[in-house]
């Protein structure tokens, strides 16, 4: 029994005793005050008990929330670890592909011209008639200046280049040249892409160079060159012909190169596991 209740009972018993005995030593108003005080103490005790229960419930709820947050934090840590592993794997694959294309480009640059004498003569004639088209008879490498082929920040091949692409495709579809493959490589200068509209299509110069190479292949395909004979690469500003110190140097670096490859030179081949190697 709680203390306030005991007090109330004691006062009640006392009151009865005084009433029966006829004792008038304690005034009735004092007895009434004692009873009211006992009732107040009882009510306060009940309120405190309710407060203790509420605090206990809140503590239990906070503990459950903390446990849930710890579980979510652990899940985030595991997801971050997985993302980091995927990123490392993707970077490794990218480095392997870059190494393969670099080796392929080095091989093609150092190789002799795989074109026949007649095809070489036709490409040389093409270079004489189109000032913005270059052809190296020693290696068979063709170069197109992007300033003429593409608008600034664009990967769309301009219409005035279609005639040259038609003749280029016709040469590769004649005689011994029909057995040759090509690698189309895009390059840019070192100026960063600033326009938001351009950046939404080409997030970086690396993307822009690859997109230009892809569109050149698409144009050649429209003019009759089979897609399985073509490969693409984009190097952005990372293989300049000259230091990017002025507009003239940057203009040299903005280019699309087409490497004519011998029949046994791989663009990309499939391994027994159906993966690119």
Protein backbone atom coordinates (compact mmCIF):
# COMPACT_ATOMS: atom_id res chain seq x y z
CA UNK A 1 0.00 0.00 0.00
CA UNK A 2 1.37 3.42 -0.97
CA UNK A 3 2.25 6.04 1.62
CA UNK A 4 -0.49 8.56 0.63
CA UNK A 5 -3.12 5.81 0.96
CA UNK A 6 -1.87 4.88 4.39
CA UNK A 7 -2.09 8.51 5.45
CA UNK A 8 -5.66 8.76 4.20
CA UNK A 9 -6.71 5.64 6.08
CA UNK A 10 -4.97 6.81 9.24
CA UNK A 11 -6.77 10.14 9.06
CA UNK A 12 -10.10 8.44 8.45
CA UNK A 13 -9.62 6.11 11.42
CA UNK A 14 -8.57 9.03 13.57
CA UNK A 15 -11.60 10.98 12.57
CA UNK A 16 -13.89 8.12 13.53
CA UNK A 17 -12.11 7.69 16.84
CA UNK A 18 -12.46 11.34 17.68
CA UNK A 19 -16.12 11.25 16.68
CA UNK A 20 -17.00 8.27 18.89
CA UNK A 21 -14.96 9.39 21.82
CA UNK A 22 -16.33 12.87 21.61
CA UNK A 23 -12.78 14.27 21.67
CA UNK A 24 -12.63 17.81 20.38
CA UNK A 25 -8.86 18.32 20.62
CA UNK A 26 -8.37 18.44 16.76
CA UNK A 27 -10.60 20.84 14.82
CA UNK A 28 -12.54 19.38 11.91
CA UNK A 29 -11.07 21.84 9.38
CA UNK A 30 -7.54 20.60 10.12
CA UNK A 31 -8.68 17.02 9.65
CA UNK A 32 -10.25 17.95 6.29
CA UNK A 33 -7.03 19.65 5.20
CA UNK A 34 -5.05 16.53 6.06
CA UNK A 35 -7.39 14.41 4.04
CA UNK A 36 -7.14 16.76 1.01
CA UNK A 37 -3.36 16.75 1.28
CA UNK A 38 -3.31 12.97 1.37
CA UNK A 39 -5.51 12.89 -1.75
CA UNK A 40 -3.17 15.32 -3.56
CA UNK A 41 -0.14 13.21 -2.71
CA UNK A 42 -1.88 10.13 -4.03
CA UNK A 43 -2.75 11.86 -7.31
CA UNK A 44 0.81 13.16 -7.69
CA UNK A 45 2.13 9.66 -7.11
CA UNK A 46 -0.15 8.32 -9.82
CA UNK A 47 1.00 11.07 -12.24
CA UNK A 48 4.64 10.25 -11.53
CA UNK A 49 3.99 6.58 -12.21
CA UNK A 50 2.38 7.49 -15.55
CA UNK A 51 5.37 9.72 -16.42
CA UNK A 52 7.78 6.87 -15.60
CA UNK A 53 5.87 4.53 -17.90
CA UNK A 54 5.87 7.11 -20.71
CA UNK A 55 9.64 7.64 -20.34
CA UNK A 56 10.15 3.89 -20.42
CA UNK A 57 8.11 3.60 -23.62
CA UNK A 58 10.05 6.48 -25.26
CA UNK A 59 13.37 4.86 -24.30
CA UNK A 60 12.25 1.56 -25.84
CA UNK A 61 11.19 3.39 -29.04
CA UNK A 62 14.52 5.24 -29.25
CA UNK A 63 16.40 1.97 -28.79
CA UNK A 64 14.43 0.40 -31.66
CA UNK A 65 15.13 3.43 -33.90
CA UNK A 66 18.84 3.27 -33.06
CA UNK A 67 18.94 -0.42 -34.00
CA UNK A 68 17.19 0.30 -37.29
CA UNK A 69 19.63 3.14 -38.09
CA UNK A 70 22.58 0.87 -37.34
CA UNK A 71 21.18 -1.76 -39.71
CA UNK A 72 20.67 0.85 -42.46
CA UNK A 73 24.21 2.16 -41.91
CA UNK A 74 25.60 -1.36 -42.24
CA UNK A 75 23.63 -1.85 -45.47
CA UNK A 76 25.03 1.43 -46.85
CA UNK A 77 28.57 0.35 -45.97
CA UNK A 78 28.08 -2.95 -47.79
CA UNK A 79 26.60 -1.16 -50.84
CA UNK A 80 29.53 1.28 -50.89
CA UNK A 81 31.99 -1.61 -50.74
CA UNK A 82 30.20 -3.31 -53.65
CA UNK A 83 30.23 -0.08 -55.70
CA UNK A 84 33.95 0.37 -55.05
CA UNK A 85 34.63 -3.17 -56.21
CA UNK A 86 32.59 -2.61 -59.38
CA UNK A 87 34.44 0.66 -60.02
CA UNK A 88 37.83 -1.04 -59.66
CA UNK A 89 36.70 -3.79 -62.04
CA UNK A 90 35.41 -1.26 -64.60
CA UNK A 91 38.64 0.76 -64.42
CA UNK A 92 40.65 -2.43 -64.94
CA UNK A 93 38.60 -3.34 -68.02
CA UNK A 94 38.93 0.20 -69.37
CA UNK A 95 42.71 0.10 -68.92
CA UNK A 96 42.87 -3.24 -70.73
CA UNK A 97 40.84 -1.90 -73.67
CA UNK A 98 42.94 1.27 -73.81
CA UNK A 99 46.11 -0.81 -73.82
CA UNK A 100 44.79 -3.01 -76.62
CA UNK A 101 43.84 -0.06 -78.80
CA UNK A 102 47.12 1.70 -78.05
CA UNK A 103 49.04 -1.37 -79.13
CA UNK A 104 46.87 -1.67 -82.22
CA UNK A 105 47.48 1.97 -83.13
CA UNK A 106 51.21 1.60 -82.57
CA UNK A 107 51.20 -1.46 -84.79
CA UNK A 108 49.29 0.31 -87.56
CA UNK A 109 51.51 3.40 -87.37
CA UNK A 110 54.63 1.30 -87.72
CA UNK A 111 53.21 -1.00 -90.36
CA UNK A 112 53.63 -0.65 -94.08
CA UNK A 113 50.78 0.39 -96.32
CA UNK A 114 48.47 -2.63 -96.81
CA UNK A 115 46.82 -1.05 -99.85
CA UNK A 116 47.63 -2.14 -103.38
CA UNK A 117 49.44 0.23 -105.72
CA UNK A 118 46.17 1.05 -107.49
CA UNK A 119 44.27 1.78 -104.25
CA UNK A 120 47.18 3.92 -103.01
CA UNK A 121 47.12 5.91 -106.25
CA UNK A 122 43.37 6.47 -105.89
CA UNK A 123 43.73 7.71 -102.29
CA UNK A 124 46.57 10.04 -103.33
CA UNK A 125 44.33 11.46 -106.04
CA UNK A 126 41.60 11.89 -103.44
CA UNK A 127 43.99 13.85 -101.20
CA UNK A 128 44.93 16.16 -104.10
CA UNK A 129 41.29 16.95 -104.85
CA UNK A 130 40.21 17.43 -101.22
CA UNK A 131 42.59 19.79 -99.34
CA UNK A 132 41.21 18.81 -95.94
CA UNK A 133 41.87 15.12 -96.52
CA UNK A 134 45.38 13.74 -95.92
CA UNK A 135 46.75 10.39 -97.02
CA UNK A 136 50.10 8.81 -96.09
CA UNK A 137 51.20 6.40 -98.87
CA UNK A 138 53.78 4.81 -96.55
CA UNK A 139 51.28 3.63 -93.93
CA UNK A 140 47.88 3.97 -95.60
CA UNK A 141 46.66 6.30 -92.85
CA UNK A 142 43.99 8.81 -93.84
CA UNK A 143 43.23 11.95 -91.82
CA UNK A 144 40.16 14.17 -91.87
CA UNK A 145 40.27 17.59 -90.26
CA UNK A 146 37.38 17.88 -87.80
CA UNK A 147 37.09 21.64 -88.27
CA UNK A 148 35.72 20.95 -91.75
CA UNK A 149 33.88 17.71 -91.02
CA UNK A 150 32.13 18.78 -87.82
CA UNK A 151 30.70 21.96 -86.37
CA UNK A 152 32.23 23.10 -83.07
CA UNK A 153 31.14 20.77 -80.26
CA UNK A 154 29.12 18.59 -82.66
CA UNK A 155 29.54 14.95 -83.67
CA UNK A 156 27.29 15.21 -86.72
CA UNK A 157 29.18 14.82 -90.02
CA UNK A 158 28.49 17.83 -92.24
CA UNK A 159 26.69 17.30 -95.54
CA UNK A 160 29.51 18.78 -97.62
CA UNK A 161 31.69 15.82 -96.58
CA UNK A 162 29.41 13.16 -98.03
CA UNK A 163 30.97 13.24 -101.51
CA UNK A 164 34.42 12.51 -100.10
CA UNK A 165 33.02 9.68 -97.93
CA UNK A 166 31.33 8.16 -100.98
CA UNK A 167 34.61 8.10 -102.93
CA UNK A 168 36.50 6.79 -99.90
CA UNK A 169 34.04 3.89 -99.54
CA UNK A 170 34.15 3.14 -103.28
CA UNK A 171 37.95 2.74 -103.20
CA UNK A 172 37.74 0.30 -100.27
CA UNK A 173 35.05 -1.70 -102.08
CA UNK A 174 37.20 -2.31 -105.18
CA UNK A 175 39.78 -4.98 -106.00
CA UNK A 176 42.12 -6.17 -103.25
CA UNK A 177 40.96 -3.35 -100.95
CA UNK A 178 37.71 -5.27 -100.35
CA UNK A 179 39.64 -7.56 -97.97
CA UNK A 180 40.94 -4.69 -95.83
CA UNK A 181 39.51 -3.40 -92.55
CA UNK A 182 39.66 0.09 -91.10
CA UNK A 183 39.96 1.62 -87.63
CA UNK A 184 38.37 5.07 -87.25
CA UNK A 185 39.92 7.14 -84.44
CA UNK A 186 38.61 10.49 -83.14
CA UNK A 187 40.77 13.19 -81.51
CA UNK A 188 40.05 16.63 -80.01
CA UNK A 189 42.06 19.54 -78.66
CA UNK A 190 42.41 20.26 -74.92
CA UNK A 191 39.61 22.81 -74.59
CA UNK A 192 36.93 21.64 -72.17
CA UNK A 193 33.31 21.43 -73.27
CA UNK A 194 31.58 24.47 -71.76
CA UNK A 195 28.09 24.68 -73.27
CA UNK A 196 25.45 22.84 -71.24
CA UNK A 197 23.60 21.75 -74.42
CA UNK A 198 26.80 20.22 -75.82
CA UNK A 199 27.79 18.67 -72.49
CA UNK A 200 24.43 16.90 -72.24
CA UNK A 201 25.27 15.01 -75.47
CA UNK A 202 29.05 14.74 -75.03
CA UNK A 203 30.03 14.84 -71.30
CA UNK A 204 33.74 15.14 -72.13
CA UNK A 205 36.16 15.46 -75.05
CA UNK A 206 36.70 11.71 -74.80
CA UNK A 207 32.99 11.14 -75.47
CA UNK A 208 33.01 13.71 -78.29
CA UNK A 209 35.96 12.06 -80.05
CA UNK A 210 34.35 8.60 -79.82
CA UNK A 211 30.97 9.92 -81.00
CA UNK A 212 32.63 11.54 -84.03
CA UNK A 213 34.38 8.27 -84.92
CA UNK A 214 31.07 6.41 -84.60
CA UNK A 215 29.29 8.87 -86.89
CA UNK A 216 32.05 8.62 -89.52
CA UNK A 217 31.57 4.83 -89.46
CA UNK A 218 27.81 5.32 -89.80
CA UNK A 219 28.36 7.57 -92.82
CA UNK A 220 30.76 5.09 -94.44
CA UNK A 221 28.22 2.31 -93.84
CA UNK A 222 25.55 4.36 -95.63
CA UNK A 223 27.92 4.60 -98.57
CA UNK A 224 28.37 0.84 -98.82
CA UNK A 225 31.20 -0.08 -96.44
CA UNK A 226 30.25 -3.12 -94.33
CA UNK A 227 30.13 -2.44 -90.59
CA UNK A 228 32.03 -5.63 -89.73
CA UNK A 229 35.06 -4.16 -91.52
CA UNK A 230 35.15 -1.13 -89.20
CA UNK A 231 36.24 -0.43 -85.63
CA UNK A 232 36.25 2.81 -83.66
CA UNK A 233 38.30 4.46 -80.93
CA UNK A 234 38.18 7.87 -79.24
CA UNK A 235 41.19 9.46 -77.54
CA UNK A 236 39.88 12.94 -76.80
CA UNK A 237 42.83 15.33 -76.25
CA UNK A 238 45.25 12.62 -75.07
CA UNK A 239 47.16 11.99 -78.32
CA UNK A 240 47.90 15.47 -79.71
CA UNK A 241 50.01 15.97 -82.81
CA UNK A 242 51.29 19.26 -81.40
CA UNK A 243 51.23 21.03 -78.00
CA UNK A 244 47.89 22.81 -77.47
CA UNK A 245 49.50 26.22 -77.15
CA UNK A 246 47.64 28.18 -79.85
CA UNK A 247 44.74 27.91 -82.29
CA UNK A 248 46.91 26.56 -85.10
CA UNK A 249 48.19 23.72 -82.93
CA UNK A 250 44.73 22.94 -81.62
CA UNK A 251 43.41 22.80 -85.17
CA UNK A 252 45.97 20.09 -86.00
CA UNK A 253 44.87 18.08 -82.98
CA UNK A 254 41.18 18.18 -83.92
CA UNK A 255 41.07 15.32 -86.40
CA UNK A 256 39.62 11.95 -87.35
CA UNK A 257 42.12 9.32 -88.49
CA UNK A 258 41.29 6.22 -90.53
CA UNK A 259 43.81 3.41 -90.36
CA UNK A 260 43.61 0.91 -93.20
CA UNK A 261 44.39 -2.52 -91.76
CA UNK A 262 45.66 -5.66 -93.41
CA UNK A 263 43.24 -8.61 -93.54
CA UNK A 264 44.97 -10.37 -90.62
CA UNK A 265 45.07 -7.25 -88.39
CA UNK A 266 42.33 -7.63 -85.74
CA UNK A 267 39.97 -4.78 -84.93
CA UNK A 268 38.38 -6.89 -82.20
CA UNK A 269 38.11 -10.64 -81.94
CA UNK A 270 36.05 -13.02 -79.83
CA UNK A 271 37.58 -15.44 -77.39
CA UNK A 272 36.27 -18.96 -76.87
CA UNK A 273 34.32 -17.61 -73.92
CA UNK A 274 32.48 -15.14 -76.18
CA UNK A 275 34.27 -12.16 -74.62
CA UNK A 276 36.12 -9.43 -76.47
CA UNK A 277 39.88 -9.93 -76.34
